[in-house]
PDB file of N, CA and C in Angstrom:
ATOM      1  N   MET A   1       7.588  -9.914   3.016  1.00  0.00           N
ATOM      2  CA  MET A   1       7.968  -8.694   3.584  1.00  0.00           C
ATOM      3  C   MET A   1       6.963  -7.868   4.289  1.00  0.00           C
ATOM      4  N   VAL A   2       7.639  -7.724   5.784  1.00  0.00           N
ATOM      5  CA  VAL A   2       6.652  -6.842   6.615  1.00  0.00           C
ATOM      6  C   VAL A   2       6.756  -5.589   6.906  1.00  0.00           C
ATOM      7  N   THR A   3       6.081  -4.558   7.190  1.00  0.00           N
ATOM      8  CA  THR A   3       5.991  -3.657   7.347  1.00  0.00           C
ATOM      9  C   THR A   3       5.152  -2.903   8.066  1.00  0.00           C
ATOM     10  N   HIS A   4       5.142  -1.864   8.372  1.00  0.00           N
ATOM     11  CA  HIS A   4       4.204  -0.901   8.970  1.00  0.00           C
ATOM     12  C   HIS A   4       4.268   0.750   8.505  1.00  0.00           C
ATOM     13  N   ASN A   5       5.398   0.557   7.384  1.00  0.00           N
ATOM     14  CA  ASN A   5       5.641   2.093   6.650  1.00  0.00           C
ATOM     15  C   ASN A   5       4.976   1.967   5.655  1.00  0.00           C
ATOM     16  N   LEU A   6       3.934   2.625   5.217  1.00  0.00           N
ATOM     17  CA  LEU A   6       2.923   2.567   3.834  1.00  0.00           C
ATOM     18  C   LEU A   6       3.847   2.838   2.527  1.00  0.00           C
ATOM     19  N   ARG A   7       4.730   3.693   2.590  1.00  0.00           N
ATOM     20  CA  ARG A   7       5.232   4.440   1.748  1.00  0.00           C
ATOM     21  C   ARG A   7       6.210   3.844   1.330  1.00  0.00           C
ATOM     22  N   GLU A   8       7.235   2.699   1.850  1.00  0.00           N
ATOM     23  CA  GLU A   8       8.341   1.724   1.658  1.00  0.00           C
ATOM     24  C   GLU A   8       7.279   0.400   1.293  1.00  0.00           C
ATOM     25  N   ALA A   9       6.126  -0.035   1.933  1.00  0.00           N
ATOM     26  CA  ALA A   9       5.479  -0.983   0.795  1.00  0.00           C
ATOM     27  C   ALA A   9       5.265  -0.320  -0.429  1.00  0.00           C
ATOM     28  N   LEU A  10       4.888   0.446  -0.475  1.00  0.00           N
ATOM     29  CA  LEU A  10       4.576   0.740  -2.051  1.00  0.00           C
ATOM     30  C   LEU A  10       5.413   1.179  -3.106  1.00  0.00           C
ATOM     31  N   MET A  11       6.725   1.669  -2.155  1.00  0.00           N
ATOM     32  CA  MET A  11       7.605   1.336  -3.131  1.00  0.00           C
ATOM     33  C   MET A  11       8.040  -0.230  -3.706  1.00  0.00           C
ATOM     34  N   LEU A  12       7.906  -0.594  -2.617  1.00  0.00           N
ATOM     35  CA  LEU A  12       8.848  -2.460  -3.238  1.00  0.00           C
ATOM     36  C   LEU A  12       8.160  -3.127  -3.323  1.00  0.00           C
ATOM     37  N   SER A  13       6.707  -3.466  -3.354  1.00  0.00           N
ATOM     38  CA  SER A  13       5.734  -4.089  -3.453  1.00  0.00           C
ATOM     39  C   SER A  13       4.651  -4.297  -4.583  1.00  0.00           C
ATOM     40  N   ASP A  14       4.579  -5.167  -5.030  1.00  0.00           N
ATOM     41  CA  ASP A  14       3.131  -5.354  -6.352  1.00  0.00           C
ATOM     42  C   ASP A  14       2.015  -5.858  -5.419  1.00  0.00           C
ATOM     43  N   ARG A  15       2.094  -5.784  -4.595  1.00  0.00           N
ATOM     44  CA  ARG A  15       0.564  -6.175  -3.569  1.00  0.00           C
ATOM     45  C   ARG A  15       0.931  -6.176  -2.100  1.00  0.00           C
ATOM     46  N   ILE A  16       0.234  -5.192  -1.390  1.00  0.00           N
ATOM     47  CA  ILE A  16      -0.118  -4.991  -0.252  1.00  0.00           C
ATOM     48  C   ILE A  16      -1.602  -5.284   0.752  1.00  0.00           C
ATOM     49  N   ILE A  17      -1.288  -6.769   1.187  1.00  0.00           N
ATOM     50  CA  ILE A  17      -1.761  -7.252   2.363  1.00  0.00           C
ATOM     51  C   ILE A  17      -2.469  -6.195   2.955  1.00  0.00           C
ATOM     52  N   VAL A  18      -3.209  -5.629   3.472  1.00  0.00           N
ATOM     53  CA  VAL A  18      -3.768  -5.450   5.002  1.00  0.00           C
ATOM     54  C   VAL A  18      -4.302  -5.976   5.428  1.00  0.00           C
ATOM     55  N   LEU A  19      -3.841  -5.909   7.259  1.00  0.00           N
ATOM     56  CA  LEU A  19      -4.318  -6.551   8.428  1.00  0.00           C
ATOM     57  C   LEU A  19      -5.065  -5.312   9.129  1.00  0.00           C
ATOM     58  N   GLU A  20      -6.347  -5.867   9.242  1.00  0.00           N
ATOM     59  CA  GLU A  20      -6.496  -5.252  11.029  1.00  0.00           C
ATOM     60  C   GLU A  20      -5.892  -5.486  11.768  1.00  0.00           C
ATOM     61  N   GLN A  21      -6.134  -4.919  13.564  1.00  0.00           N
ATOM     62  CA  GLN A  21      -5.359  -5.256  14.453  1.00  0.00           C
ATOM     63  C   GLN A  21      -5.660  -6.337  15.309  1.00  0.00           C
ATOM     64  N   ARG A  22      -5.985  -6.744  16.102  1.00  0.00           N
ATOM     65  CA  ARG A  22      -6.328  -7.786  16.877  1.00  0.00           C
ATOM     66  C   ARG A  22      -7.520  -8.197  17.076  1.00  0.00           C
ATOM     67  N   PRO A  23      -7.692  -9.225  17.130  1.00  0.00           N
ATOM     68  CA  PRO A  23      -6.833 -10.359  16.175  1.00  0.00           C
ATOM     69  C   PRO A  23      -7.058 -10.276  15.006  1.00  0.00           C
ATOM     70  N   ALA A  24      -5.820 -10.400  14.708  1.00  0.00           N
ATOM     71  CA  ALA A  24      -5.474  -9.851  13.251  1.00  0.00           C
ATOM     72  C   ALA A  24      -6.629 -10.744  11.956  1.00  0.00           C
ATOM     73  N   HIS A  25      -6.731  -9.900  11.190  1.00  0.00           N
ATOM     74  CA  HIS A  25      -7.103 -10.698   9.733  1.00  0.00           C
ATOM     75  C   HIS A  25      -7.492  -9.682   8.470  1.00  0.00           C
ATOM     76  N   VAL A  26      -6.965 -10.072   7.495  1.00  0.00           N
ATOM     77  CA  VAL A  26      -6.818  -9.660   6.219  1.00  0.00           C
ATOM     78  C   VAL A  26      -8.084  -8.393   5.854  1.00  0.00           C
ATOM     79  N   LEU A  27      -8.484  -7.711   5.980  1.00  0.00           N
ATOM     80  CA  LEU A  27      -8.953  -6.296   5.609  1.00  0.00           C
ATOM     81  C   LEU A  27      -8.864  -6.222   4.029  1.00  0.00           C
ATOM     82  N   GLY A  28      -7.860  -6.179   3.488  1.00  0.00           N
ATOM     83  CA  GLY A  28      -8.188  -6.560   2.082  1.00  0.00           C
ATOM     84  C   GLY A  28      -6.578  -6.050   1.193  1.00  0.00           C
ATOM     85  N   MET A  29      -6.462  -5.944  -0.089  1.00  0.00           N
ATOM     86  CA  MET A  29      -5.297  -6.210  -0.769  1.00  0.00           C
ATOM     87  C   MET A  29      -5.591  -5.115  -2.019  1.00  0.00           C
ATOM     88  N   PHE A  30      -4.108  -4.570  -2.477  1.00  0.00           N
ATOM     89  CA  PHE A  30      -4.103  -3.401  -2.940  1.00  0.00           C
ATOM     90  C   PHE A  30      -2.865  -3.875  -3.463  1.00  0.00           C
ATOM     91  N   ASP A  31      -3.271  -3.947  -5.433  1.00  0.00           N
ATOM     92  CA  ASP A  31      -2.354  -4.089  -6.063  1.00  0.00           C
ATOM     93  C   ASP A  31      -1.450  -2.762  -7.032  1.00  0.00           C
ATOM     94  N   VAL A  32      -0.209  -2.821  -7.263  1.00  0.00           N
ATOM     95  CA  VAL A  32       0.455  -1.742  -7.189  1.00  0.00           C
ATOM     96  C   VAL A  32       0.796  -2.333  -8.352  1.00  0.00           C
ATOM     97  N   ARG A  33      -0.049  -1.722  -9.498  1.00  0.00           N
ATOM     98  CA  ARG A  33       0.455  -2.039 -11.226  1.00  0.00           C
ATOM     99  C   ARG A  33       1.588  -0.905 -11.564  1.00  0.00           C
ATOM    100  N   VAL A  34       2.356  -0.390 -11.001  1.00  0.00           N
ATOM    101  CA  VAL A  34       2.984   0.304 -12.029  1.00  0.00           C
ATOM    102  C   VAL A  34       3.965  -0.100 -11.511  1.00  0.00           C
ATOM    103  N   PRO A  35       4.773  -0.155 -12.347  1.00  0.00           N
ATOM    104  CA  PRO A  35       6.498  -1.098 -12.642  1.00  0.00           C
ATOM    105  C   PRO A  35       7.414  -0.395 -11.439  1.00  0.00           C
ATOM    106  N   ARG A  36       8.130  -1.005 -10.810  1.00  0.00           N
ATOM    107  CA  ARG A  36       9.253  -0.304 -10.054  1.00  0.00           C
ATOM    108  C   ARG A  36       9.560   0.879 -10.434  1.00  0.00           C
ATOM    109  N   GLN A  37      10.094   0.612 -11.723  1.00  0.00           N
ATOM    110  CA  GLN A  37      11.412   1.905 -12.258  1.00  0.00           C
ATOM    111  C   GLN A  37      10.432   2.934 -12.977  1.00  0.00           C
ATOM    112  N   HIS A  38       9.265   2.720 -12.443  1.00  0.00           N
ATOM    113  CA  HIS A  38       8.046   3.743 -12.567  1.00  0.00           C
ATOM    114  C   HIS A  38       7.885   5.043 -11.155  1.00  0.00           C
ATOM    115  N   ARG A  39       8.128   4.246 -10.676  1.00  0.00           N
ATOM    116  CA  ARG A  39       7.656   4.753  -9.296  1.00  0.00           C
ATOM    117  C   ARG A  39       8.652   5.932  -8.655  1.00  0.00           C
ATOM    118  N   ASN A  40       7.820   7.127  -8.994  1.00  0.00           N
ATOM    119  CA  ASN A  40       8.563   8.334  -8.821  1.00  0.00           C
ATOM    120  C   ASN A  40       7.618   8.963  -8.495  1.00  0.00           C
ATOM    121  N   PRO A  41       8.144  10.362  -7.789  1.00  0.00           N
ATOM    122  CA  PRO A  41       7.103  11.146  -6.392  1.00  0.00           C
ATOM    123  C   PRO A  41       5.616  11.413  -6.664  1.00  0.00           C
ATOM    124  N   LEU A  42       5.620  12.058  -8.219  1.00  0.00           N
ATOM    125  CA  LEU A  42       4.213  11.843  -8.450  1.00  0.00           C
ATOM    126  C   LEU A  42       3.448  10.681  -8.839  1.00  0.00           C
ATOM    127  N   VAL A  43       4.259   9.291  -9.052  1.00  0.00           N
ATOM    128  CA  VAL A  43       3.401   8.205  -8.942  1.00  0.00           C
ATOM    129  C   VAL A  43       3.270   7.766  -7.679  1.00  0.00           C
ATOM    130  N   MET A  44       4.470   8.009  -6.581  1.00  0.00           N
ATOM    131  CA  MET A  44       3.942   7.566  -5.659  1.00  0.00           C
ATOM    132  C   MET A  44       2.496   8.439  -4.830  1.00  0.00           C
ATOM    133  N   SER A  45       2.657   9.347  -4.866  1.00  0.00           N
ATOM    134  CA  SER A  45       1.519  10.093  -4.715  1.00  0.00           C
ATOM    135  C   SER A  45       0.105   9.939  -4.639  1.00  0.00           C
ATOM    136  N   ASP A  46      -0.058   9.649  -6.068  1.00  0.00           N
ATOM    137  CA  ASP A  46      -1.288   9.108  -6.737  1.00  0.00           C
ATOM    138  C   ASP A  46      -1.351   7.450  -5.963  1.00  0.00           C
ATOM    139  N   LEU A  47      -0.331   6.173  -6.011  1.00  0.00           N
ATOM    140  CA  LEU A  47      -0.618   5.241  -5.086  1.00  0.00           C
ATOM    141  C   LEU A  47      -1.093   5.945  -3.724  1.00  0.00           C
ATOM    142  N   LEU A  48      -0.484   6.729  -3.365  1.00  0.00           N
ATOM    143  CA  LEU A  48      -0.715   6.958  -1.580  1.00  0.00           C
ATOM    144  C   LEU A  48      -2.495   7.484  -1.763  1.00  0.00           C
ATOM    145  N   ARG A  49      -3.002   8.088  -2.421  1.00  0.00           N
ATOM    146  CA  ARG A  49      -3.945   8.848  -2.981  1.00  0.00           C
ATOM    147  C   ARG A  49      -4.980   7.634  -2.608  1.00  0.00           C
ATOM    148  N   SER A  50      -4.626   6.811  -4.165  1.00  0.00           N
ATOM    149  CA  SER A  50      -5.688   5.259  -4.211  1.00  0.00           C
ATOM    150  C   SER A  50      -5.631   4.582  -2.985  1.00  0.00           C
ATOM    151  N   PHE A  51      -4.589   4.291  -2.547  1.00  0.00           N
ATOM    152  CA  PHE A  51      -4.507   3.550  -0.858  1.00  0.00           C
ATOM    153  C   PHE A  51      -5.376   4.200   0.127  1.00  0.00           C
ATOM    154  N   GLN A  52      -5.560   5.534   0.286  1.00  0.00           N
ATOM    155  CA  GLN A  52      -5.700   5.664   1.283  1.00  0.00           C
ATOM    156  C   GLN A  52      -7.575   5.826   1.168  1.00  0.00           C
ATOM    157  N   GLN A  53      -8.096   6.096  -0.432  1.00  0.00           N
ATOM    158  CA  GLN A  53      -9.718   5.851  -0.650  1.00  0.00           C
ATOM    159  C   GLN A  53     -10.188   4.187  -0.501  1.00  0.00           C
ATOM    160  N   LYS A  54      -9.225   3.629  -0.432  1.00  0.00           N
ATOM    161  CA  LYS A  54      -9.710   2.081  -0.546  1.00  0.00           C
ATOM    162  C   LYS A  54      -9.440   2.040   0.634  1.00  0.00           C
ATOM    163  N   PHE A  55      -8.912   2.582   1.914  1.00  0.00           N
ATOM    164  CA  PHE A  55      -8.399   2.039   2.770  1.00  0.00           C
ATOM    165  C   PHE A  55      -8.582   3.348   3.810  1.00  0.00           C
ATOM    166  N   PRO A  56      -9.473   4.108   3.739  1.00  0.00           N
ATOM    167  CA  PRO A  56      -9.724   5.123   4.928  1.00  0.00           C
ATOM    168  C   PRO A  56      -9.315   4.780   6.381  1.00  0.00           C
ATOM    169  N   GLY A  57      -8.053   5.840   7.335  1.00  0.00           N
ATOM    170  CA  GLY A  57      -8.173   5.757   8.539  1.00  0.00           C
ATOM    171  C   GLY A  57      -6.507   4.902   8.991  1.00  0.00           C
ATOM    172  N   VAL A  58      -6.447   4.095   7.363  1.00  0.00           N
ATOM    173  CA  VAL A  58      -5.232   3.001   7.413  1.00  0.00           C
ATOM    174  C   VAL A  58      -4.141   3.726   7.179  1.00  0.00           C
ATOM    175  N   ALA A  59      -3.002   3.694   8.086  1.00  0.00           N
ATOM    176  CA  ALA A  59      -1.700   4.726   7.350  1.00  0.00           C
ATOM    177  C   ALA A  59      -0.532   4.242   7.582  1.00  0.00           C
TER     178      ALA A  59
END
């Protein structure tokens, strides 16, 4: 699945592959280790914070 929506990616994915802009190359990977059924608003907030720490400036 390809998306530009970080919240959607965090809610639906087990791993997010972050691409750099043109020319596209892999910037890094972010593993979402929380089972989907446990991704409530508090968990999503923590995941967003962790993602932003690993990939500052990527939205």
